[in-house]
Amino acid sequence: MFGSNLQGMHGGGAARMAYERFGAIMGQGVGLQGQCYAIPTMHGGVEAIRPYVDEFITFAQQHTELTFLVTRVGCGIAGFRDEEIAPLFADAHLLPNVALPQGW
């Protein structure tokens, strides 16, 4: 799982790695693609990201056959701090198929 932008331009950071190695689709900024899942983090503040995180958590709950390794979305190029983004993933702690970054 990686942080993206709404346009799906996976040019740097974890998004670029997702594109080069895990099947992320250029031009797709949200959702499942290849072996990864994109959450846009470059279009606003934390509250603008929240609906996409909620959508991801629902998706992970419905797809227990998949395992999601969550990167520190939004904490690189997007410029957020862990303490701003980590609380959005509170409900993901309950999911056995979601692995969160240490400290989240």
PDB file of N, CA and C in Angstrom:
ATOM      1  N   MET A   1       0.851  -1.149   0.000  1.00  0.00           N
ATOM      2  CA  MET A   1       0.000   0.000   0.000  1.00  0.00           C
ATOM      3  C   MET A   1       0.902   1.218   0.000  1.00  0.00           C
ATOM      4  N   PHE A   2       0.596   2.184  -0.827  1.00  0.00           N
ATOM      5  CA  PHE A   2       1.482   3.335  -0.979  1.00  0.00           C
ATOM      6  C   PHE A   2       0.677   4.621  -1.135  1.00  0.00           C
ATOM      7  N   GLY A   3       1.341   5.727  -0.850  1.00  0.00           N
ATOM      8  CA  GLY A   3       0.741   7.039  -1.032  1.00  0.00           C
ATOM      9  C   GLY A   3       0.907   7.484  -2.475  1.00  0.00           C
ATOM     10  N   SER A   4      -0.141   8.085  -3.005  1.00  0.00           N
ATOM     11  CA  SER A   4      -0.168   8.479  -4.408  1.00  0.00           C
ATOM     12  C   SER A   4      -0.676   9.911  -4.526  1.00  0.00           C
ATOM     13  N   ASN A   5      -0.972  10.301  -5.748  1.00  0.00           N
ATOM     14  CA  ASN A   5      -1.693  11.539  -5.992  1.00  0.00           C
ATOM     15  C   ASN A   5      -2.914  11.179  -6.826  1.00  0.00           C
ATOM     16  N   LEU A   6      -3.898  12.036  -6.844  1.00  0.00           N
ATOM     17  CA  LEU A   6      -5.152  11.715  -7.532  1.00  0.00           C
ATOM     18  C   LEU A   6      -4.956  11.446  -9.019  1.00  0.00           C
ATOM     19  N   GLN A   7      -3.935  12.028  -9.613  1.00  0.00           N
ATOM     20  CA  GLN A   7      -3.690  11.835 -11.036  1.00  0.00           C
ATOM     21  C   GLN A   7      -2.988  10.503 -11.326  1.00  0.00           C
ATOM     22  N   GLY A   8      -2.471   9.838 -10.278  1.00  0.00           N
ATOM     23  CA  GLY A   8      -1.769   8.574 -10.480  1.00  0.00           C
ATOM     24  C   GLY A   8      -0.433   8.723 -11.177  1.00  0.00           C
ATOM     25  N   MET A   9       0.230   9.839 -10.943  1.00  0.00           N
ATOM     26  CA  MET A   9       1.562  10.048 -11.509  1.00  0.00           C
ATOM     27  C   MET A   9       2.581   9.542 -10.494  1.00  0.00           C
ATOM     28  N   HIS A  10       2.984   8.307 -10.634  1.00  0.00           N
ATOM     29  CA  HIS A  10       3.826   7.619  -9.657  1.00  0.00           C
ATOM     30  C   HIS A  10       5.312   7.898  -9.917  1.00  0.00           C
ATOM     31  N   GLY A  11       5.716   9.148  -9.717  1.00  0.00           N
ATOM     32  CA  GLY A  11       7.055   9.573 -10.098  1.00  0.00           C
ATOM     33  C   GLY A  11       8.125   9.483  -9.036  1.00  0.00           C
ATOM     34  N   GLY A  12       7.757   9.350  -7.762  1.00  0.00           N
ATOM     35  CA  GLY A  12       8.793   9.341  -6.730  1.00  0.00           C
ATOM     36  C   GLY A  12       8.385   8.546  -5.515  1.00  0.00           C
ATOM     37  N   GLY A  13       9.351   8.299  -4.653  1.00  0.00           N
ATOM     38  CA  GLY A  13       9.108   7.623  -3.381  1.00  0.00           C
ATOM     39  C   GLY A  13       8.531   6.230  -3.542  1.00  0.00           C
ATOM     40  N   ALA A  14       7.668   5.864  -2.602  1.00  0.00           N
ATOM     41  CA  ALA A  14       7.048   4.536  -2.609  1.00  0.00           C
ATOM     42  C   ALA A  14       6.160   4.346  -3.839  1.00  0.00           C
ATOM     43  N   ALA A  15       5.586   5.433  -4.345  1.00  0.00           N
ATOM     44  CA  ALA A  15       4.730   5.327  -5.530  1.00  0.00           C
ATOM     45  C   ALA A  15       5.541   4.880  -6.742  1.00  0.00           C
ATOM     46  N   ARG A  16       6.724   5.418  -6.877  1.00  0.00           N
ATOM     47  CA  ARG A  16       7.581   5.015  -8.006  1.00  0.00           C
ATOM     48  C   ARG A  16       7.967   3.546  -7.877  1.00  0.00           C
ATOM     49  N   MET A  17       8.315   3.120  -6.660  1.00  0.00           N
ATOM     50  CA  MET A  17       8.666   1.718  -6.444  1.00  0.00           C
ATOM     51  C   MET A  17       7.462   0.819  -6.736  1.00  0.00           C
ATOM     52  N   ALA A  18       6.280   1.261  -6.319  1.00  0.00           N
ATOM     53  CA  ALA A  18       5.063   0.481  -6.593  1.00  0.00           C
ATOM     54  C   ALA A  18       4.855   0.344  -8.100  1.00  0.00           C
ATOM     55  N   TYR A  19       5.140   1.389  -8.840  1.00  0.00           N
ATOM     56  CA  TYR A  19       5.000   1.365 -10.297  1.00  0.00           C
ATOM     57  C   TYR A  19       6.047   0.454 -10.933  1.00  0.00           C
ATOM     58  N   GLU A  20       7.287   0.603 -10.506  1.00  0.00           N
ATOM     59  CA  GLU A  20       8.382  -0.140 -11.126  1.00  0.00           C
ATOM     60  C   GLU A  20       8.397  -1.617 -10.765  1.00  0.00           C
ATOM     61  N   ARG A  21       7.936  -1.951  -9.554  1.00  0.00           N
ATOM     62  CA  ARG A  21       8.108  -3.326  -9.078  1.00  0.00           C
ATOM     63  C   ARG A  21       6.833  -4.087  -8.740  1.00  0.00           C
ATOM     64  N   PHE A  22       5.735  -3.372  -8.507  1.00  0.00           N
ATOM     65  CA  PHE A  22       4.553  -4.056  -7.984  1.00  0.00           C
ATOM     66  C   PHE A  22       3.278  -3.827  -8.794  1.00  0.00           C
ATOM     67  N   GLY A  23       3.397  -3.291  -9.975  1.00  0.00           N
ATOM     68  CA  GLY A  23       2.251  -3.211 -10.872  1.00  0.00           C
ATOM     69  C   GLY A  23       1.331  -2.020 -10.711  1.00  0.00           C
ATOM     70  N   ALA A  24       1.765  -0.978  -9.992  1.00  0.00           N
ATOM     71  CA  ALA A  24       0.934   0.231  -9.925  1.00  0.00           C
ATOM     72  C   ALA A  24       0.748   0.759 -11.344  1.00  0.00           C
ATOM     73  N   ILE A  25      -0.421   1.301 -11.619  1.00  0.00           N
ATOM     74  CA  ILE A  25      -0.789   1.731 -12.964  1.00  0.00           C
ATOM     75  C   ILE A  25      -0.678   3.248 -13.075  1.00  0.00           C
ATOM     76  N   MET A  26       0.165   3.689 -14.008  1.00  0.00           N
ATOM     77  CA  MET A  26       0.301   5.126 -14.244  1.00  0.00           C
ATOM     78  C   MET A  26      -1.056   5.672 -14.671  1.00  0.00           C
ATOM     79  N   GLY A  27      -1.491   6.747 -14.017  1.00  0.00           N
ATOM     80  CA  GLY A  27      -2.785   7.350 -14.309  1.00  0.00           C
ATOM     81  C   GLY A  27      -3.903   6.893 -13.380  1.00  0.00           C
ATOM     82  N   GLN A  28      -3.616   5.941 -12.501  1.00  0.00           N
ATOM     83  CA  GLN A  28      -4.614   5.483 -11.521  1.00  0.00           C
ATOM     84  C   GLN A  28      -4.108   5.852 -10.131  1.00  0.00           C
ATOM     85  N   GLY A  29      -4.789   6.772  -9.486  1.00  0.00           N
ATOM     86  CA  GLY A  29      -4.316   7.299  -8.209  1.00  0.00           C
ATOM     87  C   GLY A  29      -4.946   6.692  -6.979  1.00  0.00           C
ATOM     88  N   VAL A  30      -5.945   5.833  -7.153  1.00  0.00           N
ATOM     89  CA  VAL A  30      -6.687   5.298  -6.011  1.00  0.00           C
ATOM     90  C   VAL A  30      -6.955   3.811  -6.218  1.00  0.00           C
ATOM     91  N   GLY A  31      -6.837   3.051  -5.136  1.00  0.00           N
ATOM     92  CA  GLY A  31      -7.319   1.680  -5.139  1.00  0.00           C
ATOM     93  C   GLY A  31      -6.319   0.623  -5.546  1.00  0.00           C
ATOM     94  N   LEU A  32      -6.843  -0.583  -5.691  1.00  0.00           N
ATOM     95  CA  LEU A  32      -6.049  -1.765  -6.011  1.00  0.00           C
ATOM     96  C   LEU A  32      -5.543  -1.686  -7.441  1.00  0.00           C
ATOM     97  N   GLN A  33      -4.269  -1.986  -7.601  1.00  0.00           N
ATOM     98  CA  GLN A  33      -3.635  -2.017  -8.914  1.00  0.00           C
ATOM     99  C   GLN A  33      -2.391  -2.878  -8.823  1.00  0.00           C
ATOM    100  N   GLY A  34      -2.314  -3.889  -9.675  1.00  0.00           N
ATOM    101  CA  GLY A  34      -1.201  -4.828  -9.582  1.00  0.00           C
ATOM    102  C   GLY A  34      -1.208  -5.498  -8.225  1.00  0.00           C
ATOM    103  N   GLN A  35      -0.062  -5.481  -7.579  1.00  0.00           N
ATOM    104  CA  GLN A  35       0.073  -6.058  -6.243  1.00  0.00           C
ATOM    105  C   GLN A  35       0.064  -4.977  -5.174  1.00  0.00           C
ATOM    106  N   CYS A  36      -0.580  -3.858  -5.429  1.00  0.00           N
ATOM    107  CA  CYS A  36      -0.568  -2.768  -4.459  1.00  0.00           C
ATOM    108  C   CYS A  36      -1.897  -2.020  -4.426  1.00  0.00           C
ATOM    109  N   TYR A  37      -1.978  -1.139  -3.452  1.00  0.00           N
ATOM    110  CA  TYR A  37      -3.183  -0.341  -3.246  1.00  0.00           C
ATOM    111  C   TYR A  37      -2.736   1.100  -3.024  1.00  0.00           C
ATOM    112  N   ALA A  38      -3.306   2.028  -3.777  1.00  0.00           N
ATOM    113  CA  ALA A  38      -2.928   3.443  -3.701  1.00  0.00           C
ATOM    114  C   ALA A  38      -3.917   4.250  -2.874  1.00  0.00           C
ATOM    115  N   ILE A  39      -3.368   5.091  -2.009  1.00  0.00           N
ATOM    116  CA  ILE A  39      -4.161   6.084  -1.269  1.00  0.00           C
ATOM    117  C   ILE A  39      -3.591   7.457  -1.611  1.00  0.00           C
ATOM    118  N   PRO A  40      -4.394   8.346  -2.194  1.00  0.00           N
ATOM    119  CA  PRO A  40      -3.890   9.672  -2.520  1.00  0.00           C
ATOM    120  C   PRO A  40      -3.649  10.510  -1.265  1.00  0.00           C
ATOM    121  N   THR A  41      -2.493  11.163  -1.249  1.00  0.00           N
ATOM    122  CA  THR A  41      -2.107  11.957  -0.077  1.00  0.00           C
ATOM    123  C   THR A  41      -1.620  13.361  -0.448  1.00  0.00           C
ATOM    124  N   MET A  42      -1.685  13.722  -1.726  1.00  0.00           N
ATOM    125  CA  MET A  42      -1.080  14.975  -2.183  1.00  0.00           C
ATOM    126  C   MET A  42      -2.096  16.067  -2.518  1.00  0.00           C
ATOM    127  N   HIS A  43      -3.348  15.905  -2.124  1.00  0.00           N
ATOM    128  CA  HIS A  43      -4.394  16.817  -2.597  1.00  0.00           C
ATOM    129  C   HIS A  43      -5.015  17.675  -1.503  1.00  0.00           C
ATOM    130  N   GLY A  44      -4.490  17.651  -0.312  1.00  0.00           N
ATOM    131  CA  GLY A  44      -5.089  18.446   0.755  1.00  0.00           C
ATOM    132  C   GLY A  44      -4.568  18.012   2.106  1.00  0.00           C
ATOM    133  N   GLY A  45      -5.289  18.383   3.133  1.00  0.00           N
ATOM    134  CA  GLY A  45      -4.879  18.049   4.489  1.00  0.00           C
ATOM    135  C   GLY A  45      -5.312  16.652   4.911  1.00  0.00           C
ATOM    136  N   VAL A  46      -5.122  16.377   6.174  1.00  0.00           N
ATOM    137  CA  VAL A  46      -5.435  15.060   6.736  1.00  0.00           C
ATOM    138  C   VAL A  46      -6.897  14.691   6.507  1.00  0.00           C
ATOM    139  N   GLU A  47      -7.792  15.630   6.654  1.00  0.00           N
ATOM    140  CA  GLU A  47      -9.214  15.322   6.484  1.00  0.00           C
ATOM    141  C   GLU A  47      -9.551  14.975   5.031  1.00  0.00           C
ATOM    142  N   ALA A  48      -8.762  15.451   4.096  1.00  0.00           N
ATOM    143  CA  ALA A  48      -8.973  15.087   2.693  1.00  0.00           C
ATOM    144  C   ALA A  48      -8.496  13.670   2.408  1.00  0.00           C
ATOM    145  N   ILE A  49      -7.572  13.182   3.218  1.00  0.00           N
ATOM    146  CA  ILE A  49      -7.027  11.824   3.066  1.00  0.00           C
ATOM    147  C   ILE A  49      -7.923  10.795   3.745  1.00  0.00           C
ATOM    148  N   ARG A  50      -8.572  11.188   4.841  1.00  0.00           N
ATOM    149  CA  ARG A  50      -9.363  10.265   5.662  1.00  0.00           C
ATOM    150  C   ARG A  50     -10.341   9.388   4.863  1.00  0.00           C
ATOM    151  N   PRO A  51     -11.131   9.934   3.935  1.00  0.00           N
ATOM    152  CA  PRO A  51     -12.083   9.067   3.224  1.00  0.00           C
ATOM    153  C   PRO A  51     -11.399   7.949   2.436  1.00  0.00           C
ATOM    154  N   TYR A  52     -10.222   8.222   1.925  1.00  0.00           N
ATOM    155  CA  TYR A  52      -9.496   7.212   1.161  1.00  0.00           C
ATOM    156  C   TYR A  52      -8.937   6.122   2.078  1.00  0.00           C
ATOM    157  N   VAL A  53      -8.523   6.511   3.274  1.00  0.00           N
ATOM    158  CA  VAL A  53      -8.062   5.521   4.251  1.00  0.00           C
ATOM    159  C   VAL A  53      -9.248   4.664   4.692  1.00  0.00           C
ATOM    160  N   ASP A  54     -10.381   5.292   4.955  1.00  0.00           N
ATOM    161  CA  ASP A  54     -11.579   4.536   5.334  1.00  0.00           C
ATOM    162  C   ASP A  54     -11.972   3.547   4.236  1.00  0.00           C
ATOM    163  N   GLU A  55     -11.882   3.989   2.989  1.00  0.00           N
ATOM    164  CA  GLU A  55     -12.195   3.119   1.851  1.00  0.00           C
ATOM    165  C   GLU A  55     -11.223   1.931   1.801  1.00  0.00           C
ATOM    166  N   PHE A  56      -9.941   2.208   2.057  1.00  0.00           N
ATOM    167  CA  PHE A  56      -8.945   1.141   2.091  1.00  0.00           C
ATOM    168  C   PHE A  56      -9.261   0.125   3.188  1.00  0.00           C
ATOM    169  N   ILE A  57      -9.573   0.599   4.384  1.00  0.00           N
ATOM    170  CA  ILE A  57      -9.867  -0.300   5.503  1.00  0.00           C
ATOM    171  C   ILE A  57     -11.073  -1.177   5.172  1.00  0.00           C
ATOM    172  N   THR A  58     -12.093  -0.597   4.598  1.00  0.00           N
ATOM    173  CA  THR A  58     -13.261  -1.388   4.182  1.00  0.00           C
ATOM    174  C   THR A  58     -12.859  -2.430   3.144  1.00  0.00           C
ATOM    175  N   PHE A  59     -12.044  -2.032   2.182  1.00  0.00           N
ATOM    176  CA  PHE A  59     -11.584  -2.953   1.144  1.00  0.00           C
ATOM    177  C   PHE A  59     -10.802  -4.114   1.772  1.00  0.00           C
ATOM    178  N   ALA A  60      -9.903  -3.794   2.702  1.00  0.00           N
ATOM    179  CA  ALA A  60      -9.107  -4.835   3.358  1.00  0.00           C
ATOM    180  C   ALA A  60     -10.000  -5.785   4.161  1.00  0.00           C
ATOM    181  N   GLN A  61     -11.037  -5.256   4.800  1.00  0.00           N
ATOM    182  CA  GLN A  61     -11.984  -6.104   5.541  1.00  0.00           C
ATOM    183  C   GLN A  61     -12.714  -7.060   4.608  1.00  0.00           C
ATOM    184  N   GLN A  62     -13.019  -6.609   3.411  1.00  0.00           N
ATOM    185  CA  GLN A  62     -13.765  -7.420   2.453  1.00  0.00           C
ATOM    186  C   GLN A  62     -12.884  -8.388   1.669  1.00  0.00           C
ATOM    187  N   HIS A  63     -11.571  -8.193   1.739  1.00  0.00           N
ATOM    188  CA  HIS A  63     -10.637  -9.015   0.959  1.00  0.00           C
ATOM    189  C   HIS A  63      -9.572  -9.616   1.876  1.00  0.00           C
ATOM    190  N   THR A  64     -10.027 -10.473   2.757  1.00  0.00           N
ATOM    191  CA  THR A  64      -9.121 -11.096   3.726  1.00  0.00           C
ATOM    192  C   THR A  64      -8.141 -12.059   3.072  1.00  0.00           C
ATOM    193  N   GLU A  65      -8.360 -12.401   1.795  1.00  0.00           N
ATOM    194  CA  GLU A  65      -7.425 -13.266   1.086  1.00  0.00           C
ATOM    195  C   GLU A  65      -6.158 -12.503   0.668  1.00  0.00           C
ATOM    196  N   LEU A  66      -6.200 -11.175   0.772  1.00  0.00           N
ATOM    197  CA  LEU A  66      -5.059 -10.331   0.432  1.00  0.00           C
ATOM    198  C   LEU A  66      -4.372  -9.846   1.697  1.00  0.00           C
ATOM    199  N   THR A  67      -3.062  -9.629   1.608  1.00  0.00           N
ATOM    200  CA  THR A  67      -2.287  -9.062   2.708  1.00  0.00           C
ATOM    201  C   THR A  67      -1.772  -7.702   2.268  1.00  0.00           C
ATOM    202  N   PHE A  68      -1.900  -6.703   3.135  1.00  0.00           N
ATOM    203  CA  PHE A  68      -1.507  -5.332   2.814  1.00  0.00           C
ATOM    204  C   PHE A  68      -0.381  -4.885   3.733  1.00  0.00           C
ATOM    205  N   LEU A  69       0.752  -4.556   3.144  1.00  0.00           N
ATOM    206  CA  LEU A  69       1.882  -3.996   3.873  1.00  0.00           C
ATOM    207  C   LEU A  69       1.821  -2.489   3.656  1.00  0.00           C
ATOM    208  N   VAL A  70       1.443  -1.775   4.689  1.00  0.00           N
ATOM    209  CA  VAL A  70       1.204  -0.329   4.592  1.00  0.00           C
ATOM    210  C   VAL A  70       2.513   0.427   4.759  1.00  0.00           C
ATOM    211  N   THR A  71       2.816   1.300   3.816  1.00  0.00           N
ATOM    212  CA  THR A  71       3.966   2.183   3.959  1.00  0.00           C
ATOM    213  C   THR A  71       3.542   3.407   4.772  1.00  0.00           C
ATOM    214  N   ARG A  72       4.465   4.249   5.103  1.00  0.00           N
ATOM    215  CA  ARG A  72       4.165   5.473   5.862  1.00  0.00           C
ATOM    216  C   ARG A  72       3.560   6.514   4.908  1.00  0.00           C
ATOM    217  N   VAL A  73       2.362   6.198   4.408  1.00  0.00           N
ATOM    218  CA  VAL A  73       1.718   7.059   3.412  1.00  0.00           C
ATOM    219  C   VAL A  73       1.604   8.491   3.903  1.00  0.00           C
ATOM    220  N   GLY A  74       1.947   9.406   3.038  1.00  0.00           N
ATOM    221  CA  GLY A  74       1.830  10.820   3.361  1.00  0.00           C
ATOM    222  C   GLY A  74       2.991  11.382   4.155  1.00  0.00           C
ATOM    223  N   CYS A  75       3.912  10.537   4.611  1.00  0.00           N
ATOM    224  CA  CYS A  75       4.988  10.990   5.491  1.00  0.00           C
ATOM    225  C   CYS A  75       6.320  11.171   4.760  1.00  0.00           C
ATOM    226  N   GLY A  76       6.285  11.178   3.467  1.00  0.00           N
ATOM    227  CA  GLY A  76       7.473  11.431   2.663  1.00  0.00           C
ATOM    228  C   GLY A  76       7.270  12.700   1.873  1.00  0.00           C
ATOM    229  N   ILE A  77       7.086  12.541   0.590  1.00  0.00           N
ATOM    230  CA  ILE A  77       6.932  13.681  -0.320  1.00  0.00           C
ATOM    231  C   ILE A  77       5.744  14.570   0.059  1.00  0.00           C
ATOM    232  N   ALA A  78       4.650  13.976   0.551  1.00  0.00           N
ATOM    233  CA  ALA A  78       3.455  14.764   0.910  1.00  0.00           C
ATOM    234  C   ALA A  78       3.693  15.653   2.130  1.00  0.00           C
ATOM    235  N   GLY A  79       4.670  15.304   2.974  1.00  0.00           N
ATOM    236  CA  GLY A  79       5.077  16.187   4.060  1.00  0.00           C
ATOM    237  C   GLY A  79       4.337  16.089   5.377  1.00  0.00           C
ATOM    238  N   PHE A  80       3.489  15.074   5.568  1.00  0.00           N
ATOM    239  CA  PHE A  80       2.803  14.915   6.852  1.00  0.00           C
ATOM    240  C   PHE A  80       3.701  14.207   7.851  1.00  0.00           C
ATOM    241  N   ARG A  81       3.363  14.337   9.125  1.00  0.00           N
ATOM    242  CA  ARG A  81       4.077  13.638  10.188  1.00  0.00           C
ATOM    243  C   ARG A  81       3.323  12.359  10.548  1.00  0.00           C
ATOM    244  N   ASP A  82       4.053  11.380  11.055  1.00  0.00           N
ATOM    245  CA  ASP A  82       3.442  10.114  11.468  1.00  0.00           C
ATOM    246  C   ASP A  82       2.268  10.340  12.407  1.00  0.00           C
ATOM    247  N   GLU A  83       2.427  11.249  13.340  1.00  0.00           N
ATOM    248  CA  GLU A  83       1.366  11.469  14.327  1.00  0.00           C
ATOM    249  C   GLU A  83       0.112  12.099  13.720  1.00  0.00           C
ATOM    250  N   GLU A  84       0.209  12.620  12.511  1.00  0.00           N
ATOM    251  CA  GLU A  84      -0.965  13.139  11.812  1.00  0.00           C
ATOM    252  C   GLU A  84      -1.694  12.035  11.041  1.00  0.00           C
ATOM    253  N   ILE A  85      -0.939  11.129  10.434  1.00  0.00           N
ATOM    254  CA  ILE A  85      -1.511  10.115   9.554  1.00  0.00           C
ATOM    255  C   ILE A  85      -1.851   8.821  10.294  1.00  0.00           C
ATOM    256  N   ALA A  86      -1.018   8.402  11.220  1.00  0.00           N
ATOM    257  CA  ALA A  86      -1.222   7.121  11.910  1.00  0.00           C
ATOM    258  C   ALA A  86      -2.618   6.970  12.525  1.00  0.00           C
ATOM    259  N   PRO A  87      -3.186   7.999  13.155  1.00  0.00           N
ATOM    260  CA  PRO A  87      -4.525   7.832  13.738  1.00  0.00           C
ATOM    261  C   PRO A  87      -5.612   7.473  12.718  1.00  0.00           C
ATOM    262  N   LEU A  88      -5.410   7.840  11.462  1.00  0.00           N
ATOM    263  CA  LEU A  88      -6.391   7.493  10.437  1.00  0.00           C
ATOM    264  C   LEU A  88      -6.510   5.978  10.272  1.00  0.00           C
ATOM    265  N   PHE A  89      -5.464   5.254  10.634  1.00  0.00           N
ATOM    266  CA  PHE A  89      -5.407   3.805  10.462  1.00  0.00           C
ATOM    267  C   PHE A  89      -5.747   3.040  11.740  1.00  0.00           C
ATOM    268  N   ALA A  90      -6.336   3.706  12.729  1.00  0.00           N
ATOM    269  CA  ALA A  90      -6.630   3.060  14.014  1.00  0.00           C
ATOM    270  C   ALA A  90      -7.440   1.776  13.839  1.00  0.00           C
ATOM    271  N   ASP A  91      -8.451   1.790  12.978  1.00  0.00           N
ATOM    272  CA  ASP A  91      -9.286   0.600  12.784  1.00  0.00           C
ATOM    273  C   ASP A  91      -8.545  -0.521  12.060  1.00  0.00           C
ATOM    274  N   ALA A  92      -7.468  -0.203  11.387  1.00  0.00           N
ATOM    275  CA  ALA A  92      -6.695  -1.227  10.678  1.00  0.00           C
ATOM    276  C   ALA A  92      -5.935  -2.128  11.635  1.00  0.00           C
ATOM    277  N   HIS A  93      -5.718  -1.672  12.870  1.00  0.00           N
ATOM    278  CA  HIS A  93      -5.019  -2.496  13.866  1.00  0.00           C
ATOM    279  C   HIS A  93      -5.778  -3.794  14.138  1.00  0.00           C
ATOM    280  N   LEU A  94      -7.051  -3.808  13.903  1.00  0.00           N
ATOM    281  CA  LEU A  94      -7.880  -4.974  14.178  1.00  0.00           C
ATOM    282  C   LEU A  94      -7.854  -5.997  13.047  1.00  0.00           C
ATOM    283  N   LEU A  95      -7.253  -5.647  11.928  1.00  0.00           N
ATOM    284  CA  LEU A  95      -7.291  -6.511  10.748  1.00  0.00           C
ATOM    285  C   LEU A  95      -6.035  -7.367  10.647  1.00  0.00           C
ATOM    286  N   PRO A  96      -6.190  -8.691  10.621  1.00  0.00           N
ATOM    287  CA  PRO A  96      -5.015  -9.561  10.553  1.00  0.00           C
ATOM    288  C   PRO A  96      -4.296  -9.522   9.211  1.00  0.00           C
ATOM    289  N   ASN A  97      -4.923  -8.984   8.181  1.00  0.00           N
ATOM    290  CA  ASN A  97      -4.302  -8.931   6.858  1.00  0.00           C
ATOM    291  C   ASN A  97      -3.680  -7.571   6.531  1.00  0.00           C
ATOM    292  N   VAL A  98      -3.567  -6.700   7.545  1.00  0.00           N
ATOM    293  CA  VAL A  98      -2.954  -5.386   7.356  1.00  0.00           C
ATOM    294  C   VAL A  98      -1.778  -5.250   8.320  1.00  0.00           C
ATOM    295  N   ALA A  99      -0.600  -4.984   7.761  1.00  0.00           N
ATOM    296  CA  ALA A  99       0.619  -4.740   8.561  1.00  0.00           C
ATOM    297  C   ALA A  99       0.948  -3.253   8.464  1.00  0.00           C
ATOM    298  N   LEU A 100       0.929  -2.595   9.610  1.00  0.00           N
ATOM    299  CA  LEU A 100       1.188  -1.145   9.660  1.00  0.00           C
ATOM    300  C   LEU A 100       2.647  -0.870   9.999  1.00  0.00           C
ATOM    301  N   PRO A 101       3.135   0.311   9.646  1.00  0.00           N
ATOM    302  CA  PRO A 101       4.512   0.680  10.011  1.00  0.00           C
ATOM    303  C   PRO A 101       4.692   0.671  11.535  1.00  0.00           C
ATOM    304  N   GLN A 102       5.887   0.372  11.958  1.00  0.00           N
ATOM    305  CA  GLN A 102       6.198   0.379  13.391  1.00  0.00           C
ATOM    306  C   GLN A 102       5.849   1.735  13.992  1.00  0.00           C
ATOM    307  N   GLY A 103       5.178   1.715  15.119  1.00  0.00           N
ATOM    308  CA  GLY A 103       4.794   2.942  15.795  1.00  0.00           C
ATOM    309  C   GLY A 103       3.419   3.469  15.431  1.00  0.00           C
ATOM    310  N   TRP A 104       2.815   2.915  14.408  1.00  0.00           N
ATOM    311  CA  TRP A 104       1.476   3.340  13.984  1.00  0.00           C
ATOM    312  C   TRP A 104       0.459   2.561  14.742  1.00  0.00           C
TER     313      TRP A 104
END
